C-alpha atoms as a PDB file:
ATOM      1  CA  UNK A   1      64.899 -34.308 -61.205  1.00  0.00           C
ATOM      2  CA  UNK A   2      66.927 -34.738 -64.588  1.00  0.00           C
ATOM      3  CA  UNK A   3      64.469 -32.927 -66.820  1.00  0.00           C
ATOM      4  CA  UNK A   4      65.518 -29.909 -63.928  1.00  0.00           C
ATOM      5  CA  UNK A   5      68.943 -30.564 -64.343  1.00  0.00           C
ATOM      6  CA  UNK A   6      68.966 -30.694 -68.252  1.00  0.00           C
ATOM      7  CA  UNK A   7      66.875 -27.090 -68.020  1.00  0.00           C
ATOM      8  CA  UNK A   8      69.530 -25.697 -65.760  1.00  0.00           C
ATOM      9  CA  UNK A   9      72.721 -27.237 -67.424  1.00  0.00           C
ATOM     10  CA  UNK A  10      71.726 -26.110 -71.070  1.00  0.00           C
ATOM     11  CA  UNK A  11      70.887 -22.794 -69.477  1.00  0.00           C
ATOM     12  CA  UNK A  12      74.506 -22.533 -68.190  1.00  0.00           C
ATOM     13  CA  UNK A  13      75.896 -24.047 -71.396  1.00  0.00           C
ATOM     14  CA  UNK A  14      74.379 -21.303 -73.620  1.00  0.00           C
ATOM     15  CA  UNK A  15      76.944 -19.826 -75.863  1.00  0.00           C
ATOM     16  CA  UNK A  16      79.555 -22.380 -75.334  1.00  0.00           C
ATOM     17  CA  UNK A  17      80.820 -25.153 -77.617  1.00  0.00           C
ATOM     18  CA  UNK A  18      80.337 -27.940 -75.328  1.00  0.00           C
ATOM     19  CA  UNK A  19      77.873 -30.812 -76.258  1.00  0.00           C
ATOM     20  CA  UNK A  20      74.327 -30.118 -76.371  1.00  0.00           C
ATOM     21  CA  UNK A  21      72.379 -32.039 -73.842  1.00  0.00           C
ATOM     22  CA  UNK A  22      69.124 -33.630 -74.541  1.00  0.00           C
ATOM     23  CA  UNK A  23      66.179 -34.804 -72.561  1.00  0.00           C
ATOM     24  CA  UNK A  24      67.335 -37.749 -70.393  1.00  0.00           C
ATOM     25  CA  UNK A  25      66.059 -41.063 -71.060  1.00  0.00           C
ATOM     26  CA  UNK A  26      65.088 -43.759 -68.105  1.00  0.00           C
ATOM     27  CA  UNK A  27      66.075 -47.333 -68.619  1.00  0.00           C
ATOM     28  CA  UNK A  28      66.558 -50.479 -67.029  1.00  0.00           C
ATOM     29  CA  UNK A  29      64.645 -51.990 -64.054  1.00  0.00           C
ATOM     30  CA  UNK A  30      63.789 -48.901 -62.219  1.00  0.00           C
ATOM     31  CA  UNK A  31      61.907 -47.639 -65.561  1.00  0.00           C
ATOM     32  CA  UNK A  32      60.866 -50.914 -66.906  1.00  0.00           C
ATOM     33  CA  UNK A  33      59.073 -51.938 -63.701  1.00  0.00           C
ATOM     34  CA  UNK A  34      60.728 -54.706 -62.210  1.00  0.00           C
ATOM     35  CA  UNK A  35      63.335 -53.216 -60.022  1.00  0.00           C
ATOM     36  CA  UNK A  36      63.787 -55.776 -56.927  1.00  0.00           C
ATOM     37  CA  UNK A  37      62.778 -53.774 -53.818  1.00  0.00           C
ATOM     38  CA  UNK A  38      66.154 -54.698 -51.683  1.00  0.00           C
ATOM     39  CA  UNK A  39      68.496 -51.880 -50.968  1.00  0.00           C
ATOM     40  CA  UNK A  40      68.873 -48.628 -52.463  1.00  0.00           C
ATOM     41  CA  UNK A  41      67.336 -47.986 -55.934  1.00  0.00           C
ATOM     42  CA  UNK A  42      69.806 -47.073 -58.321  1.00  0.00           C
ATOM     43  CA  UNK A  43      68.003 -44.784 -61.413  1.00  0.00           C
ATOM     44  CA  UNK A  44      69.555 -45.180 -64.701  1.00  0.00           C
ATOM     45  CA  UNK A  45      69.409 -42.539 -67.317  1.00  0.00           C
ATOM     46  CA  UNK A  46      71.002 -41.799 -70.553  1.00  0.00           C
ATOM     47  CA  UNK A  47      71.505 -38.311 -71.596  1.00  0.00           C
ATOM     48  CA  UNK A  48      71.660 -37.788 -75.412  1.00  0.00           C
ATOM     49  CA  UNK A  49      74.742 -36.005 -76.837  1.00  0.00           C
ATOM     50  CA  UNK A  50      74.212 -33.646 -79.744  1.00  0.00           C
ATOM     51  CA  UNK A  51      77.048 -31.695 -81.565  1.00  0.00           C
ATOM     52  CA  UNK A  52      77.261 -27.846 -80.592  1.00  0.00           C
ATOM     53  CA  UNK A  53      77.078 -24.897 -83.386  1.00  0.00           C
ATOM     54  CA  UNK A  54      79.765 -25.403 -85.613  1.00  0.00           C
ATOM     55  CA  UNK A  55      80.427 -29.114 -85.184  1.00  0.00           C
ATOM     56  CA  UNK A  56      79.494 -32.703 -86.253  1.00  0.00           C
ATOM     57  CA  UNK A  57      79.612 -36.022 -84.661  1.00  0.00           C
ATOM     58  CA  UNK A  58      80.541 -38.946 -87.146  1.00  0.00           C
ATOM     59  CA  UNK A  59      80.089 -42.306 -85.319  1.00  0.00           C
ATOM     60  CA  UNK A  60      82.796 -44.804 -86.477  1.00  0.00           C
ATOM     61  CA  UNK A  61      83.006 -48.345 -85.992  1.00  0.00           C
ATOM     62  CA  UNK A  62      86.193 -49.332 -84.075  1.00  0.00           C
ATOM     63  CA  UNK A  63      88.394 -51.509 -85.720  1.00  0.00           C
ATOM     64  CA  UNK A  64      89.762 -53.508 -82.695  1.00  0.00           C
ATOM     65  CA  UNK A  65      87.882 -56.737 -83.101  1.00  0.00           C
ATOM     66  CA  UNK A  66      89.498 -58.188 -80.033  1.00  0.00           C
ATOM     67  CA  UNK A  67      87.491 -55.767 -77.934  1.00  0.00           C
ATOM     68  CA  UNK A  68      83.888 -57.668 -76.732  1.00  0.00           C
ATOM     69  CA  UNK A  69      80.757 -56.570 -78.261  1.00  0.00           C
ATOM     70  CA  UNK A  70      80.070 -53.796 -80.757  1.00  0.00           C
ATOM     71  CA  UNK A  71      82.160 -50.780 -80.219  1.00  0.00           C
ATOM     72  CA  UNK A  72      82.210 -47.172 -81.962  1.00  0.00           C
ATOM     73  CA  UNK A  73      84.195 -43.922 -81.705  1.00  0.00           C
ATOM     74  CA  UNK A  74      82.384 -40.576 -81.920  1.00  0.00           C
ATOM     75  CA  UNK A  75      84.640 -38.370 -84.599  1.00  0.00           C
ATOM     76  CA  UNK A  76      84.222 -34.771 -84.028  1.00  0.00           C
ATOM     77  CA  UNK A  77      84.452 -32.407 -86.871  1.00  0.00           C
ATOM     78  CA  UNK A  78      84.617 -28.779 -87.316  1.00  0.00           C
ATOM     79  CA  UNK A  79      81.713 -27.553 -89.765  1.00  0.00           C
ATOM     80  CA  UNK A  80      82.075 -25.044 -92.402  1.00  0.00           C
ATOM     81  CA  UNK A  81      79.610 -22.133 -91.897  1.00  0.00           C
ATOM     82  CA  UNK A  82      80.170 -20.134 -94.929  1.00  0.00           C
ATOM     83  CA  UNK A  83      77.705 -18.873 -97.237  1.00  0.00           C
ATOM     84  CA  UNK A  84      78.258 -21.359-100.290  1.00  0.00           C
ATOM     85  CA  UNK A  85      78.730 -18.501-102.744  1.00  0.00           C
ATOM     86  CA  UNK A  86      81.496 -17.107-100.436  1.00  0.00           C
ATOM     87  CA  UNK A  87      83.354 -19.815 -99.124  1.00  0.00           C
ATOM     88  CA  UNK A  88      85.983 -18.862 -96.575  1.00  0.00           C
ATOM     89  CA  UNK A  89      84.676 -15.345 -96.432  1.00  0.00           C
ATOM     90  CA  UNK A  90      82.464 -16.008 -93.134  1.00  0.00           C
ATOM     91  CA  UNK A  91      84.668 -14.875 -90.075  1.00  0.00           C
ATOM     92  CA  UNK A  92      82.756 -16.834 -87.740  1.00  0.00           C
ATOM     93  CA  UNK A  93      83.481 -19.986 -89.625  1.00  0.00           C
ATOM     94  CA  UNK A  94      84.841 -22.692 -87.135  1.00  0.00           C
ATOM     95  CA  UNK A  95      86.407 -24.656 -90.186  1.00  0.00           C
ATOM     96  CA  UNK A  96      87.988 -21.611 -91.901  1.00  0.00           C
ATOM     97  CA  UNK A  97      88.587 -19.232 -89.151  1.00  0.00           C
ATOM     98  CA  UNK A  98      88.579 -21.106 -85.752  1.00  0.00           C
ATOM     99  CA  UNK A  99      90.957 -18.491 -84.233  1.00  0.00           C
ATOM    100  CA  UNK A 100      89.016 -15.739 -85.062  1.00  0.00           C
ATOM    101  CA  UNK A 101      85.843 -17.641 -83.681  1.00  0.00           C
ATOM    102  CA  UNK A 102      87.938 -18.013 -80.353  1.00  0.00           C
ATOM    103  CA  UNK A 103      88.698 -14.525 -80.242  1.00  0.00           C
ATOM    104  CA  UNK A 104      84.977 -13.203 -80.698  1.00  0.00           C
ATOM    105  CA  UNK A 105      83.616 -15.908 -78.542  1.00  0.00           C
ATOM    106  CA  UNK A 106      86.184 -16.410 -75.891  1.00  0.00           C
ATOM    107  CA  UNK A 107      85.271 -19.917 -76.216  1.00  0.00           C
ATOM    108  CA  UNK A 108      87.155 -23.062 -76.893  1.00  0.00           C
ATOM    109  CA  UNK A 109      85.874 -25.279 -79.682  1.00  0.00           C
ATOM    110  CA  UNK A 110      84.887 -29.156 -78.667  1.00  0.00           C
ATOM    111  CA  UNK A 111      88.405 -30.129 -80.210  1.00  0.00           C
ATOM    112  CA  UNK A 112      90.120 -28.130 -77.616  1.00  0.00           C
ATOM    113  CA  UNK A 113      87.908 -29.520 -74.339  1.00  0.00           C
ATOM    114  CA  UNK A 114      86.470 -33.029 -74.398  1.00  0.00           C
ATOM    115  CA  UNK A 115      88.467 -34.495 -77.123  1.00  0.00           C
ATOM    116  CA  UNK A 116      91.578 -36.695 -77.420  1.00  0.00           C
ATOM    117  CA  UNK A 117      92.693 -36.288 -80.795  1.00  0.00           C
ATOM    118  CA  UNK A 118      89.650 -36.196 -83.251  1.00  0.00           C
ATOM    119  CA  UNK A 119      87.416 -38.112 -80.985  1.00  0.00           C
ATOM    120  CA  UNK A 120      84.937 -37.421 -77.977  1.00  0.00           C
ATOM    121  CA  UNK A 121      86.495 -38.699 -74.951  1.00  0.00           C
ATOM    122  CA  UNK A 122      84.285 -40.565 -72.396  1.00  0.00           C
ATOM    123  CA  UNK A 123      86.134 -39.626 -69.209  1.00  0.00           C
ATOM    124  CA  UNK A 124      86.503 -36.000 -70.446  1.00  0.00           C
ATOM    125  CA  UNK A 125      82.833 -36.021 -70.947  1.00  0.00           C
ATOM    126  CA  UNK A 126      81.968 -37.418 -67.554  1.00  0.00           C
ATOM    127  CA  UNK A 127      84.392 -35.223 -65.529  1.00  0.00           C
ATOM    128  CA  UNK A 128      82.939 -32.070 -67.067  1.00  0.00           C
ATOM    129  CA  UNK A 129      79.640 -33.237 -66.661  1.00  0.00           C
ATOM    130  CA  UNK A 130      80.056 -33.985 -62.917  1.00  0.00           C
ATOM    131  CA  UNK A 131      81.745 -30.592 -62.649  1.00  0.00           C
ATOM    132  CA  UNK A 132      78.619 -28.907 -63.573  1.00  0.00           C
ATOM    133  CA  UNK A 133      76.488 -30.837 -61.971  1.00  0.00           C
ATOM    134  CA  UNK A 134      78.276 -29.819 -58.706  1.00  0.00           C
ATOM    135  CA  UNK A 135      78.339 -26.116 -59.682  1.00  0.00           C
ATOM    136  CA  UNK A 136      74.546 -25.961 -60.690  1.00  0.00           C
ATOM    137  CA  UNK A 137      72.949 -27.936 -58.064  1.00  0.00           C
ATOM    138  CA  UNK A 138      72.011 -25.361 -55.722  1.00  0.00           C
ATOM    139  CA  UNK A 139      69.871 -23.733 -58.518  1.00  0.00           C
ATOM    140  CA  UNK A 140      67.722 -26.868 -58.690  1.00  0.00           C
ATOM    141  CA  UNK A 141      64.506 -26.741 -56.534  1.00  0.00           C
ATOM    142  CA  UNK A 142      65.456 -30.453 -55.179  1.00  0.00           C
ATOM    143  CA  UNK A 143      68.590 -28.714 -53.341  1.00  0.00           C
ATOM    144  CA  UNK A 144      66.347 -27.222 -50.826  1.00  0.00           C
ATOM    145  CA  UNK A 145      64.929 -30.727 -49.555  1.00  0.00           C
ATOM    146  CA  UNK A 146      67.997 -33.186 -50.699  1.00  0.00           C
ATOM    147  CA  UNK A 147      71.449 -33.607 -50.092  1.00  0.00           C
ATOM    148  CA  UNK A 148      73.634 -34.378 -53.061  1.00  0.00           C
ATOM    149  CA  UNK A 149      76.748 -36.463 -52.855  1.00  0.00           C
ATOM    150  CA  UNK A 150      78.694 -37.462 -56.232  1.00  0.00           C
ATOM    151  CA  UNK A 151      80.381 -40.821 -56.302  1.00  0.00           C
ATOM    152  CA  UNK A 152      83.498 -41.953 -58.230  1.00  0.00           C
ATOM    153  CA  UNK A 153      83.105 -43.001 -61.606  1.00  0.00           C
ATOM    154  CA  UNK A 154      85.275 -42.721 -64.448  1.00  0.00           C
ATOM    155  CA  UNK A 155      82.790 -42.971 -67.328  1.00  0.00           C
ATOM    156  CA  UNK A 156      79.388 -41.901 -66.066  1.00  0.00           C
ATOM    157  CA  UNK A 157      78.203 -39.566 -63.504  1.00  0.00           C
ATOM    158  CA  UNK A 158      76.811 -41.115 -59.951  1.00  0.00           C
ATOM    159  CA  UNK A 159      74.766 -39.431 -57.866  1.00  0.00           C
ATOM    160  CA  UNK A 160      73.244 -40.030 -54.434  1.00  0.00           C
ATOM    161  CA  UNK A 161      70.369 -38.066 -53.008  1.00  0.00           C
ATOM    162  CA  UNK A 162      69.534 -38.333 -49.449  1.00  0.00           C
ATOM    163  CA  UNK A 163      66.627 -36.873 -47.563  1.00  0.00           C
ATOM    164  CA  UNK A 164      65.702 -38.071 -43.778  1.00  0.00           C
ATOM    165  CA  UNK A 165      66.008 -41.608 -43.716  1.00  0.00           C
ATOM    166  CA  UNK A 166      65.517 -42.374 -47.366  1.00  0.00           C
ATOM    167  CA  UNK A 167      68.226 -42.226 -50.474  1.00  0.00           C
ATOM    168  CA  UNK A 168      68.401 -43.261 -54.044  1.00  0.00           C
ATOM    169  CA  UNK A 169      71.125 -43.164 -56.590  1.00  0.00           C
ATOM    170  CA  UNK A 170      71.156 -41.820 -60.183  1.00  0.00           C
ATOM    171  CA  UNK A 171      73.442 -42.946 -62.758  1.00  0.00           C
ATOM    172  CA  UNK A 172      73.891 -40.807 -65.484  1.00  0.00           C
ATOM    173  CA  UNK A 173      75.519 -42.336 -68.826  1.00  0.00           C
ATOM    174  CA  UNK A 174      76.045 -40.403 -71.758  1.00  0.00           C
ATOM    175  CA  UNK A 175      75.336 -41.265 -75.782  1.00  0.00           C
ATOM    176  CA  UNK A 176      75.260 -40.569 -79.129  1.00  0.00           C
ATOM    177  CA  UNK A 177      72.144 -41.482 -81.273  1.00  0.00           C
ATOM    178  CA  UNK A 178      73.066 -43.778 -84.302  1.00  0.00           C
ATOM    179  CA  UNK A 179      70.942 -41.891 -86.871  1.00  0.00           C
ATOM    180  CA  UNK A 180      67.258 -41.600 -86.096  1.00  0.00           C
ATOM    181  CA  UNK A 181      66.977 -45.297 -84.585  1.00  0.00           C
ATOM    182  CA  UNK A 182      66.716 -46.095 -80.785  1.00  0.00           C
ATOM    183  CA  UNK A 183      70.221 -47.309 -80.642  1.00  0.00           C
ATOM    184  CA  UNK A 184      72.903 -45.124 -79.183  1.00  0.00           C
ATOM    185  CA  UNK A 185      76.734 -45.557 -78.502  1.00  0.00           C
ATOM    186  CA  UNK A 186      77.149 -44.966 -74.821  1.00  0.00           C
ATOM    187  CA  UNK A 187      79.672 -44.188 -72.189  1.00  0.00           C
ATOM    188  CA  UNK A 188      78.901 -47.644 -70.461  1.00  0.00           C
ATOM    189  CA  UNK A 189      82.069 -49.431 -70.062  1.00  0.00           C
ATOM    190  CA  UNK A 190      82.550 -52.869 -72.307  1.00  0.00           C
ATOM    191  CA  UNK A 191      84.860 -55.128 -70.171  1.00  0.00           C
ATOM    192  CA  UNK A 192      87.548 -54.016 -67.739  1.00  0.00           C
ATOM    193  CA  UNK A 193      89.440 -51.686 -69.890  1.00  0.00           C
ATOM    194  CA  UNK A 194      87.777 -49.744 -72.360  1.00  0.00           C
ATOM    195  CA  UNK A 195      89.419 -47.048 -74.066  1.00  0.00           C
ATOM    196  CA  UNK A 196      88.502 -43.468 -73.481  1.00  0.00           C
ATOM    197  CA  UNK A 197      87.563 -42.785 -76.959  1.00  0.00           C
ATOM    198  CA  UNK A 198      85.463 -45.937 -77.350  1.00  0.00           C
ATOM    199  CA  UNK A 199      81.674 -45.854 -77.101  1.00  0.00           C
ATOM    200  CA  UNK A 200      79.974 -49.335 -77.158  1.00  0.00           C
ATOM    201  CA  UNK A 201      76.703 -49.803 -78.320  1.00  0.00           C
ATOM    202  CA  UNK A 202      74.163 -49.630 -75.935  1.00  0.00           C
ATOM    203  CA  UNK A 203      70.310 -51.360 -76.591  1.00  0.00           C
ATOM    204  CA  UNK A 204      68.849 -49.912 -73.374  1.00  0.00           C
ATOM    205  CA  UNK A 205      66.579 -47.387 -75.054  1.00  0.00           C
ATOM    206  CA  UNK A 206      65.327 -50.144 -77.744  1.00  0.00           C
ATOM    207  CA  UNK A 207      64.498 -52.532 -74.755  1.00  0.00           C
ATOM    208  CA  UNK A 208      62.655 -49.982 -72.703  1.00  0.00           C
ATOM    209  CA  UNK A 209      60.576 -49.153 -75.802  1.00  0.00           C
ATOM    210  CA  UNK A 210      59.956 -52.742 -76.281  1.00  0.00           C
ATOM    211  CA  UNK A 211      58.555 -52.883 -72.706  1.00  0.00           C
ATOM    212  CA  UNK A 212      56.453 -50.113 -73.220  1.00  0.00           C
ATOM    213  CA  UNK A 213      54.983 -51.347 -76.565  1.00  0.00           C
ATOM    214  CA  UNK A 214      54.302 -54.539 -74.624  1.00  0.00           C
ATOM    215  CA  UNK A 215      52.791 -52.778 -71.991  1.00  0.00           C
ATOM    216  CA  UNK A 216      49.938 -51.712 -74.283  1.00  0.00           C
ATOM    217  CA  UNK A 217      49.064 -55.501 -75.529  1.00  0.00           C
ATOM    218  CA  UNK A 218      49.444 -57.809 -72.805  1.00  0.00           C
ATOM    219  CA  UNK A 219      46.504 -58.296 -70.410  1.00  0.00           C
ATOM    220  CA  UNK A 220      46.277 -55.625 -67.921  1.00  0.00           C
ATOM    221  CA  UNK A 221      47.229 -57.733 -64.904  1.00  0.00           C
ATOM    222  CA  UNK A 222      50.266 -59.524 -66.994  1.00  0.00           C
ATOM    223  CA  UNK A 223      52.552 -61.273 -64.924  1.00  0.00           C
ATOM    224  CA  UNK A 224      55.560 -60.473 -66.996  1.00  0.00           C
ATOM    225  CA  UNK A 225      56.816 -57.872 -64.706  1.00  0.00           C
ATOM    226  CA  UNK A 226      56.345 -59.741 -61.522  1.00  0.00           C
ATOM    227  CA  UNK A 227      58.305 -62.890 -62.798  1.00  0.00           C
ATOM    228  CA  UNK A 228      61.351 -60.610 -63.586  1.00  0.00           C
ATOM    229  CA  UNK A 229      60.787 -58.808 -60.316  1.00  0.00           C
ATOM    230  CA  UNK A 230      60.983 -62.225 -58.417  1.00  0.00           C
ATOM    231  CA  UNK A 231      64.059 -63.892 -60.683  1.00  0.00           C
ATOM    232  CA  UNK A 232      66.076 -60.415 -59.722  1.00  0.00           C
ATOM    233  CA  UNK A 233      65.783 -60.733 -56.386  1.00  0.00           C
ATOM    234  CA  UNK A 234      66.453 -64.575 -56.032  1.00  0.00           C
ATOM    235  CA  UNK A 235      69.174 -64.627 -58.805  1.00  0.00           C
ATOM    236  CA  UNK A 236      71.078 -61.315 -57.414  1.00  0.00           C
ATOM    237  CA  UNK A 237      71.671 -63.368 -54.189  1.00  0.00           C
ATOM    238  CA  UNK A 238      73.312 -66.275 -56.587  1.00  0.00           C
ATOM    239  CA  UNK A 239      75.473 -63.900 -58.438  1.00  0.00           C
ATOM    240  CA  UNK A 240      73.909 -64.773 -61.639  1.00  0.00           C
ATOM    241  CA  UNK A 241      73.289 -62.286 -64.638  1.00  0.00           C
ATOM    242  CA  UNK A 242      69.864 -60.835 -64.596  1.00  0.00           C
ATOM    243  CA  UNK A 243      70.310 -59.713 -67.832  1.00  0.00           C
ATOM    244  CA  UNK A 244      69.977 -63.100 -69.635  1.00  0.00           C
ATOM    245  CA  UNK A 245      66.625 -63.613 -67.522  1.00  0.00           C
ATOM    246  CA  UNK A 246      65.469 -60.419 -69.029  1.00  0.00           C
ATOM    247  CA  UNK A 247      66.787 -61.574 -72.622  1.00  0.00           C
ATOM    248  CA  UNK A 248      64.642 -64.718 -71.947  1.00  0.00           C
ATOM    249  CA  UNK A 249      61.347 -62.742 -70.938  1.00  0.00           C
ATOM    250  CA  UNK A 250      61.875 -60.768 -73.750  1.00  0.00           C
ATOM    251  CA  UNK A 251      62.019 -63.428 -76.020  1.00  0.00           C
ATOM    252  CA  UNK A 252      58.841 -65.126 -74.631  1.00  0.00           C
ATOM    253  CA  UNK A 253      56.975 -61.978 -74.338  1.00  0.00           C
ATOM    254  CA  UNK A 254      57.432 -61.590 -78.211  1.00  0.00           C
ATOM    255  CA  UNK A 255      56.732 -65.271 -79.141  1.00  0.00           C
ATOM    256  CA  UNK A 256      54.166 -66.620 -76.616  1.00  0.00           C
ATOM    257  CA  UNK A 257      50.332 -65.856 -76.904  1.00  0.00           C
ATOM    258  CA  UNK A 258      49.986 -62.519 -74.821  1.00  0.00           C
ATOM    259  CA  UNK A 259      46.707 -64.193 -72.992  1.00  0.00           C
ATOM    260  CA  UNK A 260      49.365 -66.620 -71.746  1.00  0.00           C
ATOM    261  CA  UNK A 261      50.833 -63.540 -69.400  1.00  0.00           C
ATOM    262  CA  UNK A 262      47.363 -63.121 -67.373  1.00  0.00           C
ATOM    263  CA  UNK A 263      48.162 -63.388 -63.839  1.00  0.00           C
ATOM    264  CA  UNK A 264      46.273 -66.639 -63.336  1.00  0.00           C
ATOM    265  CA  UNK A 265      49.067 -68.170 -65.415  1.00  0.00           C
ATOM    266  CA  UNK A 266      51.835 -66.788 -63.295  1.00  0.00           C
ATOM    267  CA  UNK A 267      53.314 -70.053 -62.006  1.00  0.00           C
ATOM    268  CA  UNK A 268      53.067 -71.785 -65.349  1.00  0.00           C
ATOM    269  CA  UNK A 269      55.243 -68.550 -66.805  1.00  0.00           C
ATOM    270  CA  UNK A 270      57.867 -68.547 -64.194  1.00  0.00           C
ATOM    271  CA  UNK A 271      58.238 -72.072 -64.809  1.00  0.00           C
ATOM    272  CA  UNK A 272      58.818 -71.796 -68.445  1.00  0.00           C
ATOM    273  CA  UNK A 273      61.285 -69.097 -67.851  1.00  0.00           C
ATOM    274  CA  UNK A 274      63.277 -71.303 -65.546  1.00  0.00           C
ATOM    275  CA  UNK A 275      63.308 -74.165 -68.128  1.00  0.00           C
ATOM    276  CA  UNK A 276      63.932 -71.992 -71.103  1.00  0.00           C
ATOM    277  CA  UNK A 277      67.143 -70.837 -68.737  1.00  0.00           C
ATOM    278  CA  UNK A 278      67.981 -74.305 -67.915  1.00  0.00           C
ATOM    279  CA  UNK A 279      68.296 -75.397 -71.814  1.00  0.00           C
ATOM    280  CA  UNK A 280      70.044 -72.362 -72.587  1.00  0.00           C
ATOM    281  CA  UNK A 281      72.754 -72.892 -69.781  1.00  0.00           C
ATOM    282  CA  UNK A 282      72.830 -76.728 -70.898  1.00  0.00           C
ATOM    283  CA  UNK A 283      73.344 -75.692 -74.640  1.00  0.00           C
ATOM    284  CA  UNK A 284      75.798 -72.453 -73.787  1.00  0.00           C
ATOM    285  CA  UNK A 285      73.799 -70.524 -76.120  1.00  0.00           C
ATOM    286  CA  UNK A 286      71.453 -67.624 -75.581  1.00  0.00           C
ATOM    287  CA  UNK A 287      70.913 -65.113 -78.637  1.00  0.00           C
ATOM    288  CA  UNK A 288      70.831 -61.356 -77.825  1.00  0.00           C
ATOM    289  CA  UNK A 289      67.340 -60.145 -78.129  1.00  0.00           C
ATOM    290  CA  UNK A 290      67.996 -56.745 -80.332  1.00  0.00           C
ATOM    291  CA  UNK A 291      70.383 -57.483 -82.258  1.00  0.00           C
ATOM    292  CA  UNK A 292      69.924 -59.745 -85.274  1.00  0.00           C
ATOM    293  CA  UNK A 293      66.187 -60.457 -84.535  1.00  0.00           C
ATOM    294  CA  UNK A 294      63.879 -60.235 -87.425  1.00  0.00           C
ATOM    295  CA  UNK A 295      60.815 -60.663 -85.383  1.00  0.00           C
ATOM    296  CA  UNK A 296      61.016 -56.994 -83.348  1.00  0.00           C
ATOM    297  CA  UNK A 297      58.187 -54.755 -83.388  1.00  0.00           C
ATOM    298  CA  UNK A 298      58.147 -52.447 -86.180  1.00  0.00           C
ATOM    299  CA  UNK A 299      57.930 -49.901 -83.317  1.00  0.00           C
ATOM    300  CA  UNK A 300      61.813 -50.262 -82.653  1.00  0.00           C
ATOM    301  CA  UNK A 301      63.919 -48.728 -85.260  1.00  0.00           C
ATOM    302  CA  UNK A 302      67.483 -50.094 -85.564  1.00  0.00           C
ATOM    303  CA  UNK A 303      70.076 -49.420 -87.918  1.00  0.00           C
ATOM    304  CA  UNK A 304      70.500 -51.804 -91.026  1.00  0.00           C
ATOM    305  CA  UNK A 305      73.595 -53.003 -89.951  1.00  0.00           C
ATOM    306  CA  UNK A 306      71.979 -54.252 -86.288  1.00  0.00           C
ATOM    307  CA  UNK A 307      68.955 -55.793 -88.011  1.00  0.00           C
ATOM    308  CA  UNK A 308      71.108 -58.075 -90.374  1.00  0.00           C
ATOM    309  CA  UNK A 309      73.665 -58.838 -87.856  1.00  0.00           C
ATOM    310  CA  UNK A 310      74.701 -62.268 -86.527  1.00  0.00           C
ATOM    311  CA  UNK A 311      73.064 -62.637 -83.224  1.00  0.00           C
ATOM    312  CA  UNK A 312      75.837 -62.581 -80.260  1.00  0.00           C
ATOM    313  CA  UNK A 313      75.559 -65.681 -77.903  1.00  0.00           C
ATOM    314  CA  UNK A 314      75.106 -64.167 -74.428  1.00  0.00           C
ATOM    315  CA  UNK A 315      76.502 -67.371 -73.187  1.00  0.00           C
ATOM    316  CA  UNK A 316      79.836 -67.433 -75.192  1.00  0.00           C
ATOM    317  CA  UNK A 317      81.890 -67.200 -71.817  1.00  0.00           C
ATOM    318  CA  UNK A 318      80.389 -70.187 -70.691  1.00  0.00           C
ATOM    319  CA  UNK A 319      81.007 -72.095 -73.858  1.00  0.00           C
ATOM    320  CA  UNK A 320      84.568 -70.887 -73.545  1.00  0.00           C
ATOM    321  CA  UNK A 321      85.000 -71.806 -69.831  1.00  0.00           C
ATOM    322  CA  UNK A 322      84.154 -74.847 -68.455  1.00  0.00           C
ATOM    323  CA  UNK A 323      84.383 -73.964 -65.157  1.00  0.00           C
ATOM    324  CA  UNK A 324      82.053 -70.869 -65.103  1.00  0.00           C
ATOM    325  CA  UNK A 325      79.909 -73.095 -67.006  1.00  0.00           C
ATOM    326  CA  UNK A 326      79.730 -75.537 -63.996  1.00  0.00           C
ATOM    327  CA  UNK A 327      79.364 -72.456 -61.565  1.00  0.00           C
ATOM    328  CA  UNK A 328      76.600 -71.265 -63.998  1.00  0.00           C
ATOM    329  CA  UNK A 329      74.644 -74.457 -63.519  1.00  0.00           C
ATOM    330  CA  UNK A 330      75.128 -74.638 -59.676  1.00  0.00           C
ATOM    331  CA  UNK A 331      73.988 -71.492 -59.159  1.00  0.00           C
ATOM    332  CA  UNK A 332      70.824 -72.527 -61.511  1.00  0.00           C
END
């Protein structure tokens, strides 16, 4: 579905100066293989954005340290396309002759459409993409048998597809890759009031790369996904963060002998995960799996600042809030 969408939308965007859509990357439980089988399945995908002709993206660290997590902004800059020996002479140069480019192409540049000031705006990008999806849906083969509804969302594009009695959702996030690494800055919000020009760093692509790497190494009938699937279903009813359990499973996968994940050890591994969770809750400390982890497989490419960073404590909020800590221990 998303490959079809990308092909159709890229065709519609040909000759414009909107972001260039790259192939969508699936992430999260539905693509990692441990989604709980209750309710409507939600497929999460990240659509990487590249700058259009005549533009460049510069990913810059956000300077507001009061916001949680690692946050960035995407500065959009017009690019000089003049021959070096005749700088300023090329009449289709975005930097030196923007008005001439507008007149000839009848297209605004990206700074005029999806930016606030010089920075790519998340909400403008999401609205633009949703408008494209609504306009081009009928060009997809799936439109002949599925009904599409766009759900409300400010920083993503949420789709619900329905056919007969069945339905599923697709949540489309947007991202800009950090260099040539497996990390992106994305439209996913970080906290309740993430500014429109702030793009938090996401580790979702690095995490699914890790799961695929481990799938090639663990025993064929490994129990690690079954453990996650079971705990996701149980903990969801307890209002407990499944991401913390996923972090523990990733850490154990990276340290425990791979033969110990054989299905005959399912109960033992389930017990080990829960015991590790209990200890982390008691200590109010659980380190992030990607950031600052020197033991990651070499297949996962990270920027140097992420490899060398101090790992964030996922239970920092529990350490600051005794009532939340007591509630988490009770939920456990």
